[in-house]
Amino acid sequence: MDLLVYSATWCRDCREAKRFLDKHKIPYTEIDIERTPGAADEVLRRVGKRAIPQFVIDGEWVQPYRPGEGFLHEEMSARFGVPE
């Protein structure tokens, strides 16, 4: 599985998403939208808004959180086949 994580250091939901991945030893490549030229524009182009974190799982863009609810632990656990 190829997993990219679009994030930023100031983003609380991004930190939670990375904690989840690290806890379950799911390897990923992080793309900091503030340090990687064009990354923020790529998120906007793909999802229509500047919303992070974003997972790109084998080319599929997935928003692992819901505004106002935070990181979607149950949904992401099911998607990655790991215990919640």
PDB file of N, CA and C in Angstrom:
ATOM      1  N   MET A   1       0.849  -1.181   0.000  1.00  0.00           N
ATOM      2  CA  MET A   1       0.000   0.000   0.000  1.00  0.00           C
ATOM      3  C   MET A   1       0.891   1.239   0.000  1.00  0.00           C
ATOM      4  N   ASP A   2       0.538   2.186  -0.834  1.00  0.00           N
ATOM      5  CA  ASP A   2       1.231   3.461  -0.899  1.00  0.00           C
ATOM      6  C   ASP A   2       0.338   4.497  -0.237  1.00  0.00           C
ATOM      7  N   LEU A   3       0.820   5.134   0.825  1.00  0.00           N
ATOM      8  CA  LEU A   3       0.021   6.098   1.578  1.00  0.00           C
ATOM      9  C   LEU A   3       0.755   7.425   1.676  1.00  0.00           C
ATOM     10  N   LEU A   4       0.109   8.472   1.178  1.00  0.00           N
ATOM     11  CA  LEU A   4       0.593   9.835   1.345  1.00  0.00           C
ATOM     12  C   LEU A   4      -0.318  10.525   2.341  1.00  0.00           C
ATOM     13  N   VAL A   5       0.265  11.375   3.182  1.00  0.00           N
ATOM     14  CA  VAL A   5      -0.510  12.145   4.148  1.00  0.00           C
ATOM     15  C   VAL A   5      -0.197  13.621   3.919  1.00  0.00           C
ATOM     16  N   TYR A   6      -1.182  14.368   3.435  1.00  0.00           N
ATOM     17  CA  TYR A   6      -1.043  15.808   3.292  1.00  0.00           C
ATOM     18  C   TYR A   6      -1.406  16.430   4.632  1.00  0.00           C
ATOM     19  N   SER A   7      -0.486  17.225   5.180  1.00  0.00           N
ATOM     20  CA  SER A   7      -0.698  17.761   6.520  1.00  0.00           C
ATOM     21  C   SER A   7       0.065  19.074   6.696  1.00  0.00           C
ATOM     22  N   ALA A   8      -0.013  19.623   7.908  1.00  0.00           N
ATOM     23  CA  ALA A   8       0.752  20.804   8.306  1.00  0.00           C
ATOM     24  C   ALA A   8       1.033  20.683   9.803  1.00  0.00           C
ATOM     25  N   THR A   9       2.124  21.269  10.250  1.00  0.00           N
ATOM     26  CA  THR A   9       2.519  21.137  11.659  1.00  0.00           C
ATOM     27  C   THR A   9       1.498  21.753  12.611  1.00  0.00           C
ATOM     28  N   TRP A  10       0.803  22.807  12.193  1.00  0.00           N
ATOM     29  CA  TRP A  10      -0.152  23.492  13.069  1.00  0.00           C
ATOM     30  C   TRP A  10      -1.513  22.800  13.153  1.00  0.00           C
ATOM     31  N   CYS A  11      -1.725  21.760  12.364  1.00  0.00           N
ATOM     32  CA  CYS A  11      -3.037  21.117  12.234  1.00  0.00           C
ATOM     33  C   CYS A  11      -3.237  20.017  13.285  1.00  0.00           C
ATOM     34  N   ARG A  12      -4.176  20.248  14.194  1.00  0.00           N
ATOM     35  CA  ARG A  12      -4.462  19.285  15.274  1.00  0.00           C
ATOM     36  C   ARG A  12      -4.972  17.957  14.722  1.00  0.00           C
ATOM     37  N   ASP A  13      -5.873  17.995  13.738  1.00  0.00           N
ATOM     38  CA  ASP A  13      -6.400  16.757  13.149  1.00  0.00           C
ATOM     39  C   ASP A  13      -5.300  15.985  12.413  1.00  0.00           C
ATOM     40  N   CYS A  14      -4.338  16.709  11.844  1.00  0.00           N
ATOM     41  CA  CYS A  14      -3.208  16.049  11.177  1.00  0.00           C
ATOM     42  C   CYS A  14      -2.366  15.290  12.191  1.00  0.00           C
ATOM     43  N   ARG A  15      -2.110  15.905  13.325  1.00  0.00           N
ATOM     44  CA  ARG A  15      -1.322  15.235  14.374  1.00  0.00           C
ATOM     45  C   ARG A  15      -2.040  13.969  14.857  1.00  0.00           C
ATOM     46  N   GLU A  16      -3.348  14.047  15.003  1.00  0.00           N
ATOM     47  CA  GLU A  16      -4.134  12.881  15.427  1.00  0.00           C
ATOM     48  C   GLU A  16      -4.077  11.779  14.371  1.00  0.00           C
ATOM     49  N   ALA A  17      -4.168  12.153  13.103  1.00  0.00           N
ATOM     50  CA  ALA A  17      -4.101  11.176  12.011  1.00  0.00           C
ATOM     51  C   ALA A  17      -2.745  10.468  12.015  1.00  0.00           C
ATOM     52  N   LYS A  18      -1.665  11.215  12.195  1.00  0.00           N
ATOM     53  CA  LYS A  18      -0.327  10.614  12.203  1.00  0.00           C
ATOM     54  C   LYS A  18      -0.118   9.744  13.443  1.00  0.00           C
ATOM     55  N   ARG A  19      -0.696  10.144  14.583  1.00  0.00           N
ATOM     56  CA  ARG A  19      -0.622   9.292  15.793  1.00  0.00           C
ATOM     57  C   ARG A  19      -1.295   7.945  15.531  1.00  0.00           C
ATOM     58  N   PHE A  20      -2.456   7.992  14.873  1.00  0.00           N
ATOM     59  CA  PHE A  20      -3.181   6.762  14.530  1.00  0.00           C
ATOM     60  C   PHE A  20      -2.305   5.862  13.654  1.00  0.00           C
ATOM     61  N   LEU A  21      -1.728   6.433  12.598  1.00  0.00           N
ATOM     62  CA  LEU A  21      -0.893   5.649  11.686  1.00  0.00           C
ATOM     63  C   LEU A  21       0.334   5.087  12.399  1.00  0.00           C
ATOM     64  N   ASP A  22       0.970   5.910  13.206  1.00  0.00           N
ATOM     65  CA  ASP A  22       2.162   5.461  13.946  1.00  0.00           C
ATOM     66  C   ASP A  22       1.809   4.362  14.946  1.00  0.00           C
ATOM     67  N   LYS A  23       0.697   4.534  15.654  1.00  0.00           N
ATOM     68  CA  LYS A  23       0.257   3.539  16.638  1.00  0.00           C
ATOM     69  C   LYS A  23       0.083   2.166  15.998  1.00  0.00           C
ATOM     70  N   HIS A  24      -0.449   2.155  14.775  1.00  0.00           N
ATOM     71  CA  HIS A  24      -0.719   0.898  14.082  1.00  0.00           C
ATOM     72  C   HIS A  24       0.400   0.498  13.115  1.00  0.00           C
ATOM     73  N   LYS A  25       1.520   1.248  13.197  1.00  0.00           N
ATOM     74  CA  LYS A  25       2.697   0.943  12.376  1.00  0.00           C
ATOM     75  C   LYS A  25       2.360   0.885  10.878  1.00  0.00           C
ATOM     76  N   ILE A  26       1.537   1.837  10.453  1.00  0.00           N
ATOM     77  CA  ILE A  26       1.170   1.952   9.046  1.00  0.00           C
ATOM     78  C   ILE A  26       2.135   2.948   8.407  1.00  0.00           C
ATOM     79  N   PRO A  27       2.958   2.487   7.475  1.00  0.00           N
ATOM     80  CA  PRO A  27       3.943   3.395   6.871  1.00  0.00           C
ATOM     81  C   PRO A  27       3.281   4.418   5.949  1.00  0.00           C
ATOM     82  N   TYR A  28       3.828   5.623   5.958  1.00  0.00           N
ATOM     83  CA  TYR A  28       3.282   6.694   5.120  1.00  0.00           C
ATOM     84  C   TYR A  28       4.378   7.690   4.785  1.00  0.00           C
ATOM     85  N   THR A  29       4.110   8.460   3.760  1.00  0.00           N
ATOM     86  CA  THR A  29       4.971   9.571   3.391  1.00  0.00           C
ATOM     87  C   THR A  29       4.192  10.842   3.665  1.00  0.00           C
ATOM     88  N   GLU A  30       4.780  11.713   4.463  1.00  0.00           N
ATOM     89  CA  GLU A  30       4.104  12.958   4.821  1.00  0.00           C
ATOM     90  C   GLU A  30       4.470  14.056   3.828  1.00  0.00           C
ATOM     91  N   ILE A  31       3.465  14.815   3.416  1.00  0.00           N
ATOM     92  CA  ILE A  31       3.667  15.974   2.553  1.00  0.00           C
ATOM     93  C   ILE A  31       3.134  17.187   3.300  1.00  0.00           C
ATOM     94  N   ASP A  32       4.056  18.026   3.784  1.00  0.00           N
ATOM     95  CA  ASP A  32       3.690  19.237   4.517  1.00  0.00           C
ATOM     96  C   ASP A  32       3.278  20.288   3.491  1.00  0.00           C
ATOM     97  N   ILE A  33       2.025  20.716   3.556  1.00  0.00           N
ATOM     98  CA  ILE A  33       1.502  21.640   2.543  1.00  0.00           C
ATOM     99  C   ILE A  33       2.162  23.015   2.607  1.00  0.00           C
ATOM    100  N   GLU A  34       2.811  23.323   3.719  1.00  0.00           N
ATOM    101  CA  GLU A  34       3.456  24.626   3.838  1.00  0.00           C
ATOM    102  C   GLU A  34       4.914  24.583   3.402  1.00  0.00           C
ATOM    103  N   ARG A  35       5.499  23.409   3.348  1.00  0.00           N
ATOM    104  CA  ARG A  35       6.915  23.288   2.996  1.00  0.00           C
ATOM    105  C   ARG A  35       7.142  22.667   1.624  1.00  0.00           C
ATOM    106  N   THR A  36       6.118  22.066   1.066  1.00  0.00           N
ATOM    107  CA  THR A  36       6.243  21.401  -0.235  1.00  0.00           C
ATOM    108  C   THR A  36       5.579  22.267  -1.298  1.00  0.00           C
ATOM    109  N   PRO A  37       6.373  22.851  -2.194  1.00  0.00           N
ATOM    110  CA  PRO A  37       5.788  23.711  -3.230  1.00  0.00           C
ATOM    111  C   PRO A  37       4.699  22.990  -4.027  1.00  0.00           C
ATOM    112  N   GLY A  38       3.542  23.650  -4.142  1.00  0.00           N
ATOM    113  CA  GLY A  38       2.434  23.119  -4.919  1.00  0.00           C
ATOM    114  C   GLY A  38       1.527  22.151  -4.177  1.00  0.00           C
ATOM    115  N   ALA A  39       1.904  21.732  -2.971  1.00  0.00           N
ATOM    116  CA  ALA A  39       1.104  20.740  -2.246  1.00  0.00           C
ATOM    117  C   ALA A  39      -0.271  21.276  -1.849  1.00  0.00           C
ATOM    118  N   ALA A  40      -0.331  22.494  -1.345  1.00  0.00           N
ATOM    119  CA  ALA A  40      -1.628  23.071  -0.958  1.00  0.00           C
ATOM    120  C   ALA A  40      -2.530  23.215  -2.178  1.00  0.00           C
ATOM    121  N   ASP A  41      -1.950  23.603  -3.305  1.00  0.00           N
ATOM    122  CA  ASP A  41      -2.729  23.719  -4.533  1.00  0.00           C
ATOM    123  C   ASP A  41      -3.230  22.355  -5.007  1.00  0.00           C
ATOM    124  N   GLU A  42      -2.420  21.319  -4.809  1.00  0.00           N
ATOM    125  CA  GLU A  42      -2.837  19.959  -5.195  1.00  0.00           C
ATOM    126  C   GLU A  42      -4.037  19.507  -4.363  1.00  0.00           C
ATOM    127  N   VAL A  43      -4.013  19.784  -3.062  1.00  0.00           N
ATOM    128  CA  VAL A  43      -5.158  19.446  -2.203  1.00  0.00           C
ATOM    129  C   VAL A  43      -6.399  20.183  -2.706  1.00  0.00           C
ATOM    130  N   LEU A  44      -6.260  21.462  -2.951  1.00  0.00           N
ATOM    131  CA  LEU A  44      -7.395  22.257  -3.430  1.00  0.00           C
ATOM    132  C   LEU A  44      -7.923  21.709  -4.755  1.00  0.00           C
ATOM    133  N   ARG A  45      -7.033  21.361  -5.652  1.00  0.00           N
ATOM    134  CA  ARG A  45      -7.440  20.840  -6.964  1.00  0.00           C
ATOM    135  C   ARG A  45      -8.157  19.493  -6.837  1.00  0.00           C
ATOM    136  N   ARG A  46      -7.672  18.638  -5.942  1.00  0.00           N
ATOM    137  CA  ARG A  46      -8.231  17.279  -5.806  1.00  0.00           C
ATOM    138  C   ARG A  46      -9.535  17.238  -5.020  1.00  0.00           C
ATOM    139  N   VAL A  47      -9.625  18.026  -3.944  1.00  0.00           N
ATOM    140  CA  VAL A  47     -10.812  17.917  -3.080  1.00  0.00           C
ATOM    141  C   VAL A  47     -11.702  19.158  -3.087  1.00  0.00           C
ATOM    142  N   GLY A  48     -11.269  20.200  -3.796  1.00  0.00           N
ATOM    143  CA  GLY A  48     -12.108  21.383  -3.934  1.00  0.00           C
ATOM    144  C   GLY A  48     -12.082  22.343  -2.770  1.00  0.00           C
ATOM    145  N   LYS A  49     -11.225  22.085  -1.789  1.00  0.00           N
ATOM    146  CA  LYS A  49     -11.092  22.985  -0.641  1.00  0.00           C
ATOM    147  C   LYS A  49      -9.744  22.731   0.011  1.00  0.00           C
ATOM    148  N   ARG A  50      -9.316  23.660   0.820  1.00  0.00           N
ATOM    149  CA  ARG A  50      -8.049  23.509   1.547  1.00  0.00           C
ATOM    150  C   ARG A  50      -8.354  22.787   2.857  1.00  0.00           C
ATOM    151  N   ALA A  51      -8.452  21.493   2.777  1.00  0.00           N
ATOM    152  CA  ALA A  51      -8.838  20.679   3.931  1.00  0.00           C
ATOM    153  C   ALA A  51      -7.768  19.623   4.186  1.00  0.00           C
ATOM    154  N   ILE A  52      -7.174  19.691   5.360  1.00  0.00           N
ATOM    155  CA  ILE A  52      -6.194  18.674   5.758  1.00  0.00           C
ATOM    156  C   ILE A  52      -6.573  18.164   7.131  1.00  0.00           C
ATOM    157  N   PRO A  53      -6.186  16.943   7.466  1.00  0.00           N
ATOM    158  CA  PRO A  53      -5.342  16.043   6.698  1.00  0.00           C
ATOM    159  C   PRO A  53      -6.107  15.406   5.533  1.00  0.00           C
ATOM    160  N   GLN A  54      -5.339  14.966   4.571  1.00  0.00           N
ATOM    161  CA  GLN A  54      -5.856  14.160   3.468  1.00  0.00           C
ATOM    162  C   GLN A  54      -4.952  12.947   3.342  1.00  0.00           C
ATOM    163  N   PHE A  55      -5.550  11.782   3.187  1.00  0.00           N
ATOM    164  CA  PHE A  55      -4.801  10.563   2.885  1.00  0.00           C
ATOM    165  C   PHE A  55      -4.957  10.306   1.386  1.00  0.00           C
ATOM    166  N   VAL A  56      -3.897   9.851   0.769  1.00  0.00           N
ATOM    167  CA  VAL A  56      -3.969   9.353  -0.600  1.00  0.00           C
ATOM    168  C   VAL A  56      -3.508   7.901  -0.524  1.00  0.00           C
ATOM    169  N   ILE A  57      -4.472   6.985  -0.613  1.00  0.00           N
ATOM    170  CA  ILE A  57      -4.220   5.553  -0.438  1.00  0.00           C
ATOM    171  C   ILE A  57      -4.239   4.903  -1.812  1.00  0.00           C
ATOM    172  N   ASP A  58      -3.059   4.492  -2.253  1.00  0.00           N
ATOM    173  CA  ASP A  58      -2.931   3.898  -3.594  1.00  0.00           C
ATOM    174  C   ASP A  58      -3.645   4.752  -4.650  1.00  0.00           C
ATOM    175  N   GLY A  59      -3.474   6.065  -4.558  1.00  0.00           N
ATOM    176  CA  GLY A  59      -4.039   6.984  -5.534  1.00  0.00           C
ATOM    177  C   GLY A  59      -5.437   7.499  -5.226  1.00  0.00           C
ATOM    178  N   GLU A  60      -6.103   6.934  -4.228  1.00  0.00           N
ATOM    179  CA  GLU A  60      -7.465   7.364  -3.852  1.00  0.00           C
ATOM    180  C   GLU A  60      -7.398   8.407  -2.736  1.00  0.00           C
ATOM    181  N   TRP A  61      -7.991   9.560  -2.968  1.00  0.00           N
ATOM    182  CA  TRP A  61      -8.007  10.629  -1.961  1.00  0.00           C
ATOM    183  C   TRP A  61      -9.098  10.351  -0.941  1.00  0.00           C
ATOM    184  N   VAL A  62      -8.705  10.376   0.346  1.00  0.00           N
ATOM    185  CA  VAL A  62      -9.621  10.064   1.446  1.00  0.00           C
ATOM    186  C   VAL A  62      -9.452  11.127   2.523  1.00  0.00           C
ATOM    187  N   GLN A  63     -10.554  11.696   2.963  1.00  0.00           N
ATOM    188  CA  GLN A  63     -10.517  12.647   4.073  1.00  0.00           C
ATOM    189  C   GLN A  63     -10.753  11.865   5.365  1.00  0.00           C
ATOM    190  N   PRO A  64      -9.712  11.730   6.209  1.00  0.00           N
ATOM    191  CA  PRO A  64      -9.821  10.878   7.391  1.00  0.00           C
ATOM    192  C   PRO A  64     -10.422  11.555   8.628  1.00  0.00           C
ATOM    193  N   TYR A  65     -11.056  12.667   8.429  1.00  0.00           N
ATOM    194  CA  TYR A  65     -11.691  13.373   9.540  1.00  0.00           C
ATOM    195  C   TYR A  65     -12.970  14.019   9.037  1.00  0.00           C
ATOM    196  N   ARG A  66     -13.787  14.418   9.968  1.00  0.00           N
ATOM    197  CA  ARG A  66     -15.008  15.144   9.630  1.00  0.00           C
ATOM    198  C   ARG A  66     -14.998  16.427  10.451  1.00  0.00           C
ATOM    199  N   PRO A  67     -15.179  17.593   9.806  1.00  0.00           N
ATOM    200  CA  PRO A  67     -15.188  18.846  10.559  1.00  0.00           C
ATOM    201  C   PRO A  67     -16.178  18.788  11.721  1.00  0.00           C
ATOM    202  N   GLY A  68     -15.721  19.216  12.852  1.00  0.00           N
ATOM    203  CA  GLY A  68     -16.553  19.205  14.049  1.00  0.00           C
ATOM    204  C   GLY A  68     -16.548  17.881  14.794  1.00  0.00           C
ATOM    205  N   GLU A  69     -16.075  16.806  14.140  1.00  0.00           N
ATOM    206  CA  GLU A  69     -16.029  15.488  14.780  1.00  0.00           C
ATOM    207  C   GLU A  69     -14.602  15.015  14.997  1.00  0.00           C
ATOM    208  N   GLY A  70     -13.675  15.495  14.192  1.00  0.00           N
ATOM    209  CA  GLY A  70     -12.281  15.084  14.319  1.00  0.00           C
ATOM    210  C   GLY A  70     -11.956  13.844  13.499  1.00  0.00           C
ATOM    211  N   PHE A  71     -10.871  13.196  13.880  1.00  0.00           N
ATOM    212  CA  PHE A  71     -10.382  12.032  13.148  1.00  0.00           C
ATOM    213  C   PHE A  71     -11.390  10.883  13.239  1.00  0.00           C
ATOM    214  N   LEU A  72     -11.595  10.193  12.127  1.00  0.00           N
ATOM    215  CA  LEU A  72     -12.588   9.114  12.047  1.00  0.00           C
ATOM    216  C   LEU A  72     -11.928   7.771  12.397  1.00  0.00           C
ATOM    217  N   HIS A  73     -11.702   7.550  13.678  1.00  0.00           N
ATOM    218  CA  HIS A  73     -11.004   6.352  14.141  1.00  0.00           C
ATOM    219  C   HIS A  73     -11.668   5.066  13.651  1.00  0.00           C
ATOM    220  N   GLU A  74     -12.973   4.965  13.821  1.00  0.00           N
ATOM    221  CA  GLU A  74     -13.678   3.732  13.457  1.00  0.00           C
ATOM    222  C   GLU A  74     -13.579   3.461  11.952  1.00  0.00           C
ATOM    223  N   GLU A  75     -13.851   4.473  11.147  1.00  0.00           N
ATOM    224  CA  GLU A  75     -13.794   4.299   9.689  1.00  0.00           C
ATOM    225  C   GLU A  75     -12.385   3.979   9.200  1.00  0.00           C
ATOM    226  N   MET A  76     -11.389   4.660   9.752  1.00  0.00           N
ATOM    227  CA  MET A  76     -10.011   4.433   9.311  1.00  0.00           C
ATOM    228  C   MET A  76      -9.495   3.075   9.811  1.00  0.00           C
ATOM    229  N   SER A  77      -9.923   2.664  10.993  1.00  0.00           N
ATOM    230  CA  SER A  77      -9.548   1.331  11.483  1.00  0.00           C
ATOM    231  C   SER A  77     -10.074   0.257  10.549  1.00  0.00           C
ATOM    232  N   ALA A  78     -11.322   0.409  10.116  1.00  0.00           N
ATOM    233  CA  ALA A  78     -11.910  -0.557   9.193  1.00  0.00           C
ATOM    234  C   ALA A  78     -11.189  -0.527   7.845  1.00  0.00           C
ATOM    235  N   ARG A  79     -10.894   0.654   7.350  1.00  0.00           N
ATOM    236  CA  ARG A  79     -10.244   0.781   6.049  1.00  0.00           C
ATOM    237  C   ARG A  79      -8.848   0.145   6.050  1.00  0.00           C
ATOM    238  N   PHE A  80      -8.114   0.312   7.148  1.00  0.00           N
ATOM    239  CA  PHE A  80      -6.754  -0.215   7.234  1.00  0.00           C
ATOM    240  C   PHE A  80      -6.689  -1.626   7.845  1.00  0.00           C
ATOM    241  N   GLY A  81      -7.835  -2.119   8.322  1.00  0.00           N
ATOM    242  CA  GLY A  81      -7.869  -3.463   8.894  1.00  0.00           C
ATOM    243  C   GLY A  81      -7.109  -3.583  10.185  1.00  0.00           C
ATOM    244  N   VAL A  82      -7.245  -2.561  11.039  1.00  0.00           N
ATOM    245  CA  VAL A  82      -6.568  -2.562  12.336  1.00  0.00           C
ATOM    246  C   VAL A  82      -7.602  -2.361  13.443  1.00  0.00           C
ATOM    247  N   PRO A  83      -7.286  -2.794  14.674  1.00  0.00           N
ATOM    248  CA  PRO A  83      -8.232  -2.572  15.775  1.00  0.00           C
ATOM    249  C   PRO A  83      -8.352  -1.082  16.092  1.00  0.00           C
ATOM    250  N   GLU A  84      -9.516  -0.701  16.501  1.00  0.00           N
ATOM    251  CA  GLU A  84      -9.772   0.714  16.835  1.00  0.00           C
ATOM    252  C   GLU A  84      -9.031   1.048  18.091  1.00  0.00           C
TER     253      GLU A  84
END
